[in-house]
Amino acid sequence: PGVKSVILPPVTSSDEGFSGLVDLQGKPIDDDFKKRRSEMLLQAFRDCRPDIVMIEAFPFGRRQMRFELMPLIEAIDATSPRPLLATSVRDILQERVKPGRNEETVDLINRHFDVVMVHGDPAFATIDKTFPLAGAITAEVTYTGLVAAPPPPAASER
């Protein structure tokens, strides 16, 4: 009730190395597929007029989705009043192997994002331990904590 759900045509990685995107039948997605998804996402944004947009992992990851995420980010930047833009990321990131990726990530965050929400507890791990340019991020970096099942009762309580 009161929540509108928009289902985009599903995509998945073609392999564990994230070398390409495929549809649910395993067929590589083409430019028409990408355009349709991007247009649907932009229309959902325009229809919803959100106060906050949260993007999971990008630009730290999900780079193959930039075909739809960059137009969305550009639409957010062009909107008045502009919604808050947040990225949501794990506290322990995979090491970047391609030169320049960390710099590009920081540049995108600093140009477009208001908040980096790190899913973790800074008492356990901070983002700078696995993302060496964390100190160059000018957006607010906040830790969300961890979600876990309640601990089992102590042995004396059983």
C-alpha atoms as a PDB file:
ATOM      1  CA  PRO A   1       0.000   0.000   0.000  1.00  0.00           C
ATOM      2  CA  GLY A   2       1.389   3.349  -1.053  1.00  0.00           C
ATOM      3  CA  VAL A   3       4.497   1.779  -2.553  1.00  0.00           C
ATOM      4  CA  LYS A   4       4.935   1.557  -6.289  1.00  0.00           C
ATOM      5  CA  SER A   5       7.134  -1.221  -7.566  1.00  0.00           C
ATOM      6  CA  VAL A   6       8.828  -0.972 -10.940  1.00  0.00           C
ATOM      7  CA  ILE A   7      10.214  -4.196 -12.322  1.00  0.00           C
ATOM      8  CA  LEU A   8      12.995  -3.688 -14.827  1.00  0.00           C
ATOM      9  CA  PRO A   9      13.881  -6.436 -17.295  1.00  0.00           C
ATOM     10  CA  PRO A  10      16.258  -8.651 -15.282  1.00  0.00           C
ATOM     11  CA  VAL A  11      19.960  -8.970 -16.045  1.00  0.00           C
ATOM     12  CA  THR A  12      22.688 -11.072 -14.545  1.00  0.00           C
ATOM     13  CA  SER A  13      26.413 -11.471 -14.975  1.00  0.00           C
ATOM     14  CA  SER A  14      27.449 -13.841 -17.717  1.00  0.00           C
ATOM     15  CA  ASP A  15      30.176 -15.321 -15.515  1.00  0.00           C
ATOM     16  CA  GLU A  16      31.919 -15.006 -12.164  1.00  0.00           C
ATOM     17  CA  GLY A  17      34.354 -12.484 -13.633  1.00  0.00           C
ATOM     18  CA  PHE A  18      31.538 -10.047 -14.463  1.00  0.00           C
ATOM     19  CA  SER A  19      32.751  -9.923 -18.057  1.00  0.00           C
ATOM     20  CA  GLY A  20      29.314  -9.293 -19.527  1.00  0.00           C
ATOM     21  CA  LEU A  21      25.600  -9.015 -18.875  1.00  0.00           C
ATOM     22  CA  VAL A  22      22.955 -11.476 -20.014  1.00  0.00           C
ATOM     23  CA  ASP A  23      19.193 -11.761 -19.725  1.00  0.00           C
ATOM     24  CA  LEU A  24      17.538 -14.589 -17.806  1.00  0.00           C
ATOM     25  CA  GLN A  25      17.819 -16.878 -20.838  1.00  0.00           C
ATOM     26  CA  GLY A  26      21.588 -16.326 -20.907  1.00  0.00           C
ATOM     27  CA  LYS A  27      21.464 -14.167 -24.042  1.00  0.00           C
ATOM     28  CA  PRO A  28      23.872 -11.199 -24.019  1.00  0.00           C
ATOM     29  CA  ILE A  29      21.964  -7.955 -23.657  1.00  0.00           C
ATOM     30  CA  ASP A  30      22.150  -5.531 -26.565  1.00  0.00           C
ATOM     31  CA  ASP A  31      21.885  -1.761 -26.900  1.00  0.00           C
ATOM     32  CA  ASP A  32      18.087  -1.899 -27.337  1.00  0.00           C
ATOM     33  CA  PHE A  33      17.760  -3.862 -24.084  1.00  0.00           C
ATOM     34  CA  LYS A  34      19.992  -1.360 -22.274  1.00  0.00           C
ATOM     35  CA  LYS A  35      18.073   1.584 -23.703  1.00  0.00           C
ATOM     36  CA  ARG A  36      14.733   0.091 -22.621  1.00  0.00           C
ATOM     37  CA  ARG A  37      15.983  -0.496 -19.051  1.00  0.00           C
ATOM     38  CA  SER A  38      17.493   2.978 -18.848  1.00  0.00           C
ATOM     39  CA  GLU A  39      14.291   4.630 -20.088  1.00  0.00           C
ATOM     40  CA  MET A  40      12.189   2.633 -17.621  1.00  0.00           C
ATOM     41  CA  LEU A  41      14.475   3.642 -14.744  1.00  0.00           C
ATOM     42  CA  LEU A  42      14.393   7.314 -15.740  1.00  0.00           C
ATOM     43  CA  GLN A  43      10.603   7.250 -16.069  1.00  0.00           C
ATOM     44  CA  ALA A  44      10.287   5.652 -12.634  1.00  0.00           C
ATOM     45  CA  PHE A  45      12.510   8.414 -11.217  1.00  0.00           C
ATOM     46  CA  ARG A  46      10.426  11.148 -12.870  1.00  0.00           C
ATOM     47  CA  ASP A  47       7.152   9.565 -11.732  1.00  0.00           C
ATOM     48  CA  CYS A  48       8.326   9.017  -8.159  1.00  0.00           C
ATOM     49  CA  ARG A  49      10.094  12.353  -7.548  1.00  0.00           C
ATOM     50  CA  PRO A  50      11.984  10.911  -4.568  1.00  0.00           C
ATOM     51  CA  ASP A  51      13.656  12.847  -1.783  1.00  0.00           C
ATOM     52  CA  ILE A  52      16.471  10.292  -1.642  1.00  0.00           C
ATOM     53  CA  VAL A  53      17.958   7.920  -4.213  1.00  0.00           C
ATOM     54  CA  MET A  54      20.176   5.094  -2.987  1.00  0.00           C
ATOM     55  CA  ILE A  55      22.324   3.166  -5.436  1.00  0.00           C
ATOM     56  CA  GLU A  56      23.842  -0.104  -4.317  1.00  0.00           C
ATOM     57  CA  ALA A  57      27.616  -0.436  -4.829  1.00  0.00           C
ATOM     58  CA  PHE A  58      28.043   2.003  -7.732  1.00  0.00           C
ATOM     59  CA  PRO A  59      30.536   3.559  -8.390  1.00  0.00           C
ATOM     60  CA  PHE A  60      32.592   1.175  -6.226  1.00  0.00           C
ATOM     61  CA  GLY A  61      31.125  -1.722  -8.192  1.00  0.00           C
ATOM     62  CA  ARG A  62      28.293  -2.487 -10.617  1.00  0.00           C
ATOM     63  CA  ARG A  63      30.292  -0.698 -13.299  1.00  0.00           C
ATOM     64  CA  GLN A  64      28.555  -2.657 -16.043  1.00  0.00           C
ATOM     65  CA  MET A  65      25.322  -0.928 -15.052  1.00  0.00           C
ATOM     66  CA  ARG A  66      26.657   2.544 -15.802  1.00  0.00           C
ATOM     67  CA  PHE A  67      24.622   2.523 -19.046  1.00  0.00           C
ATOM     68  CA  GLU A  68      21.547   3.152 -16.882  1.00  0.00           C
ATOM     69  CA  LEU A  69      23.062   4.598 -13.716  1.00  0.00           C
ATOM     70  CA  MET A  70      24.903   7.535 -15.285  1.00  0.00           C
ATOM     71  CA  PRO A  71      21.756   8.831 -17.061  1.00  0.00           C
ATOM     72  CA  LEU A  72      19.897   8.457 -13.743  1.00  0.00           C
ATOM     73  CA  ILE A  73      22.617  10.359 -11.874  1.00  0.00           C
ATOM     74  CA  GLU A  74      22.570  13.090 -14.523  1.00  0.00           C
ATOM     75  CA  ALA A  75      18.777  13.339 -14.177  1.00  0.00           C
ATOM     76  CA  ILE A  76      19.145  13.594 -10.395  1.00  0.00           C
ATOM     77  CA  ASP A  77      21.710  16.374 -10.769  1.00  0.00           C
ATOM     78  CA  ALA A  78      19.369  18.252 -13.134  1.00  0.00           C
ATOM     79  CA  THR A  79      16.343  17.983 -10.826  1.00  0.00           C
ATOM     80  CA  SER A  80      15.209  20.857  -8.640  1.00  0.00           C
ATOM     81  CA  PRO A  81      14.897  20.376  -5.798  1.00  0.00           C
ATOM     82  CA  ARG A  82      17.641  17.804  -6.134  1.00  0.00           C
ATOM     83  CA  PRO A  83      17.133  14.577  -4.188  1.00  0.00           C
ATOM     84  CA  LEU A  84      19.872  13.355  -1.899  1.00  0.00           C
ATOM     85  CA  LEU A  85      22.034  10.773  -3.693  1.00  0.00           C
ATOM     86  CA  ALA A  86      23.586   7.980  -1.645  1.00  0.00           C
ATOM     87  CA  THR A  87      25.674   4.976  -2.496  1.00  0.00           C
ATOM     88  CA  SER A  88      25.503   1.881  -0.356  1.00  0.00           C
ATOM     89  CA  VAL A  89      28.626  -0.267  -0.073  1.00  0.00           C
ATOM     90  CA  ARG A  90      30.127  -3.026   2.053  1.00  0.00           C
ATOM     91  CA  ASP A  91      32.884  -2.213   4.506  1.00  0.00           C
ATOM     92  CA  ILE A  92      35.364  -4.639   2.935  1.00  0.00           C
ATOM     93  CA  LEU A  93      35.823  -4.063  -0.793  1.00  0.00           C
ATOM     94  CA  GLN A  94      37.555  -6.098  -3.467  1.00  0.00           C
ATOM     95  CA  GLU A  95      40.914  -4.746  -4.529  1.00  0.00           C
ATOM     96  CA  ARG A  96      40.908  -2.814  -7.810  1.00  0.00           C
ATOM     97  CA  VAL A  97      43.206  -4.335 -10.374  1.00  0.00           C
ATOM     98  CA  LYS A  98      42.716  -1.863 -13.219  1.00  0.00           C
ATOM     99  CA  PRO A  99      44.772   1.319 -12.932  1.00  0.00           C
ATOM    100  CA  GLY A 100      42.721   4.466 -12.436  1.00  0.00           C
ATOM    101  CA  ARG A 101      39.572   2.746 -11.135  1.00  0.00           C
ATOM    102  CA  ASN A 102      39.912   4.067  -7.592  1.00  0.00           C
ATOM    103  CA  GLU A 103      40.485   7.592  -8.878  1.00  0.00           C
ATOM    104  CA  GLU A 104      37.452   7.350 -11.154  1.00  0.00           C
ATOM    105  CA  THR A 105      35.348   6.085  -8.241  1.00  0.00           C
ATOM    106  CA  VAL A 106      36.373   9.010  -6.033  1.00  0.00           C
ATOM    107  CA  ASP A 107      35.756  11.474  -8.866  1.00  0.00           C
ATOM    108  CA  LEU A 108      32.215  10.171  -9.452  1.00  0.00           C
ATOM    109  CA  ILE A 109      31.427  10.221  -5.736  1.00  0.00           C
ATOM    110  CA  ASN A 110      32.779  13.720  -5.236  1.00  0.00           C
ATOM    111  CA  ARG A 111      30.936  15.107  -8.269  1.00  0.00           C
ATOM    112  CA  HIS A 112      27.552  13.472  -7.709  1.00  0.00           C
ATOM    113  CA  PHE A 113      27.000  11.747  -4.359  1.00  0.00           C
ATOM    114  CA  ASP A 114      26.025  13.257  -1.025  1.00  0.00           C
ATOM    115  CA  VAL A 115      26.518  10.212   1.189  1.00  0.00           C
ATOM    116  CA  VAL A 116      28.509   6.978   1.158  1.00  0.00           C
ATOM    117  CA  MET A 117      26.698   4.500   3.415  1.00  0.00           C
ATOM    118  CA  VAL A 118      29.161   1.834   4.520  1.00  0.00           C
ATOM    119  CA  HIS A 119      27.496  -1.357   5.720  1.00  0.00           C
ATOM    120  CA  GLY A 120      29.678  -2.266   8.637  1.00  0.00           C
ATOM    121  CA  ASP A 121      30.941  -1.289  12.042  1.00  0.00           C
ATOM    122  CA  PRO A 122      33.995   0.986  12.083  1.00  0.00           C
ATOM    123  CA  ALA A 123      35.154  -0.782  15.248  1.00  0.00           C
ATOM    124  CA  PHE A 124      35.574  -3.888  13.075  1.00  0.00           C
ATOM    125  CA  ALA A 125      36.693  -2.512   9.692  1.00  0.00           C
ATOM    126  CA  THR A 126      36.850   0.912   8.098  1.00  0.00           C
ATOM    127  CA  ILE A 127      36.533   1.525   4.391  1.00  0.00           C
ATOM    128  CA  ASP A 128      40.038   2.968   4.149  1.00  0.00           C
ATOM    129  CA  LYS A 129      41.482  -0.480   4.922  1.00  0.00           C
ATOM    130  CA  THR A 130      40.329  -1.826   1.542  1.00  0.00           C
ATOM    131  CA  PHE A 131      39.777   1.386  -0.435  1.00  0.00           C
ATOM    132  CA  PRO A 132      43.049   3.322  -0.368  1.00  0.00           C
ATOM    133  CA  LEU A 133      41.569   6.622  -1.603  1.00  0.00           C
ATOM    134  CA  ALA A 134      38.824   6.781   1.042  1.00  0.00           C
ATOM    135  CA  GLY A 135      40.445   9.896   2.498  1.00  0.00           C
ATOM    136  CA  ALA A 136      39.879  11.725  -0.801  1.00  0.00           C
ATOM    137  CA  ILE A 137      36.093  11.278  -0.638  1.00  0.00           C
ATOM    138  CA  THR A 138      34.418  14.608   0.118  1.00  0.00           C
ATOM    139  CA  ALA A 139      30.890  13.204   0.466  1.00  0.00           C
ATOM    140  CA  GLU A 140      29.757  12.245   3.949  1.00  0.00           C
ATOM    141  CA  VAL A 141      30.869   8.708   4.846  1.00  0.00           C
ATOM    142  CA  THR A 142      28.645   7.061   7.426  1.00  0.00           C
ATOM    143  CA  TYR A 143      28.579   3.545   8.859  1.00  0.00           C
ATOM    144  CA  THR A 144      25.215   1.791   9.042  1.00  0.00           C
ATOM    145  CA  GLY A 145      26.268  -0.978  11.396  1.00  0.00           C
ATOM    146  CA  LEU A 146      25.639  -4.659  10.882  1.00  0.00           C
ATOM    147  CA  VAL A 147      22.433  -6.666  10.969  1.00  0.00           C
ATOM    148  CA  ALA A 148      22.590 -10.037  12.643  1.00  0.00           C
ATOM    149  CA  ALA A 149      20.309 -12.526  14.296  1.00  0.00           C
ATOM    150  CA  PRO A 150      20.017 -12.151  18.063  1.00  0.00           C
ATOM    151  CA  PRO A 151      22.680 -14.101  19.935  1.00  0.00           C
ATOM    152  CA  PRO A 152      21.611 -17.436  21.381  1.00  0.00           C
ATOM    153  CA  PRO A 153      20.821 -17.461  25.084  1.00  0.00           C
ATOM    154  CA  ALA A 154      23.783 -17.933  27.389  1.00  0.00           C
ATOM    155  CA  ALA A 155      24.390 -21.505  28.524  1.00  0.00           C
ATOM    156  CA  SER A 156      23.251 -20.627  32.054  1.00  0.00           C
ATOM    157  CA  GLU A 157      19.875 -19.433  30.679  1.00  0.00           C
ATOM    158  CA  ARG A 158      19.043 -22.652  28.831  1.00  0.00           C
END
